[in-house]
Amino acid sequence: MASLKPPSKTHFPESYHGQAVAFAREQFNVGEVDMTEWHFMAFLEYCLTRPVQYYENGRRREAPIRNGLPEVVNYLGAYYRLQGAEPPFSGRLRRFAEELAATFGHAPRTALAASPDDVRDFVSSLSSRPLDLRTKAAILSLFASWRRPSEVLWLDYPQCLRAEYEAGISLIIPGSKTNPRSRPQPLRHTKDERVCPVCAIKTWLEYLGAGYVGPLFPVLRKGNPQPKSLDVANFDKTIEMLARRTGRPPHSYSSYSFRRGAATTAAELDWELETIQKQLWHERPAQSLHYIAPRAYWRRSRKILP
């Protein structure tokens, strides 16, 4: 069992149960009738450490289940109920799943919204090494553009960029399943050069060299760019490291923190929800609500309520 297989949405109970039985047979040499709650606990730990595969923007990705573990328990229980049998585990298994999820952090889409102060501290802790130049350009591009991490990290240079450095630059985000047509995403200078996305990208491109062609944020080996884009999962590890370095809970931040942070900051500045929706390229306002931290609405309600 190299990795969890992505089950069909209509067959989650059967899929997770089958994989739990296969895991117990392979690791402990026990069959289904001999499985105890302890075996299911071991399976949850396996789920935590092994990635689940899924597709995003036409590319296969892998990510830990993490805070989806309680849902795995729900599907395992549903399987036995569908069979008219009692599950061989109790509520203790669900509590164990919740403890694992709380200990090992959240999935990317539930990451904390990064505030401007978070972003400023993250980039201030970076040096002038090539890896840090790339990280700074990527962080500020994500926060300023509001785009999904995969949409930015997988851009190819030079066709992804329209540069007029005095006025700013535009990232050309290619079309995807959710956003069929290609769209330019303008980035502007900020008053503080330390957090200016235009300056960061310009500095990073100067390091890559005038004749460089390839991924905008490539994998680096001994400082040399490779013909492969930086992976979102690896970038998440970098963000966790920066959070730890700056005294923040490391598993509460990921690459999605910057997309959520941009939307939350706009809401705190009293932007209308419809405007935030357009900036996020969402079809419905309800989709954008998931990207705005509750604290933003609490502040707004204090201004409205008597």
Foldseek 3Di string as FASTA:
>chain_A
DQAQEDDDPVCLLVRLLVVLQVCCCVPPVDGPVPDALVSVLVVLVVQQPGWYWDDDLRDIDTDRCQLCSLVSVVSPQVNQVVVVHGDRDDCVSSVSSNVRSVVQADDALQFAAQAPVNLLLLLVPADPALVSLLLLLLLLCCLQQLEDSCQQQQDWPDVQWDDDLVAFIWGFRDAGPLRHHIDTGTAGADPDNSSGNSNSLVSNVVLQPDPDTAGSAADDDVNHGDRHTDDQVVSQVVQLVSCVVSVHRSRRDGSLSSSLNNLQVVLLVVDDLVVSCVSHVHPDSVVSVSSHDPVSVVNVVVVVPD
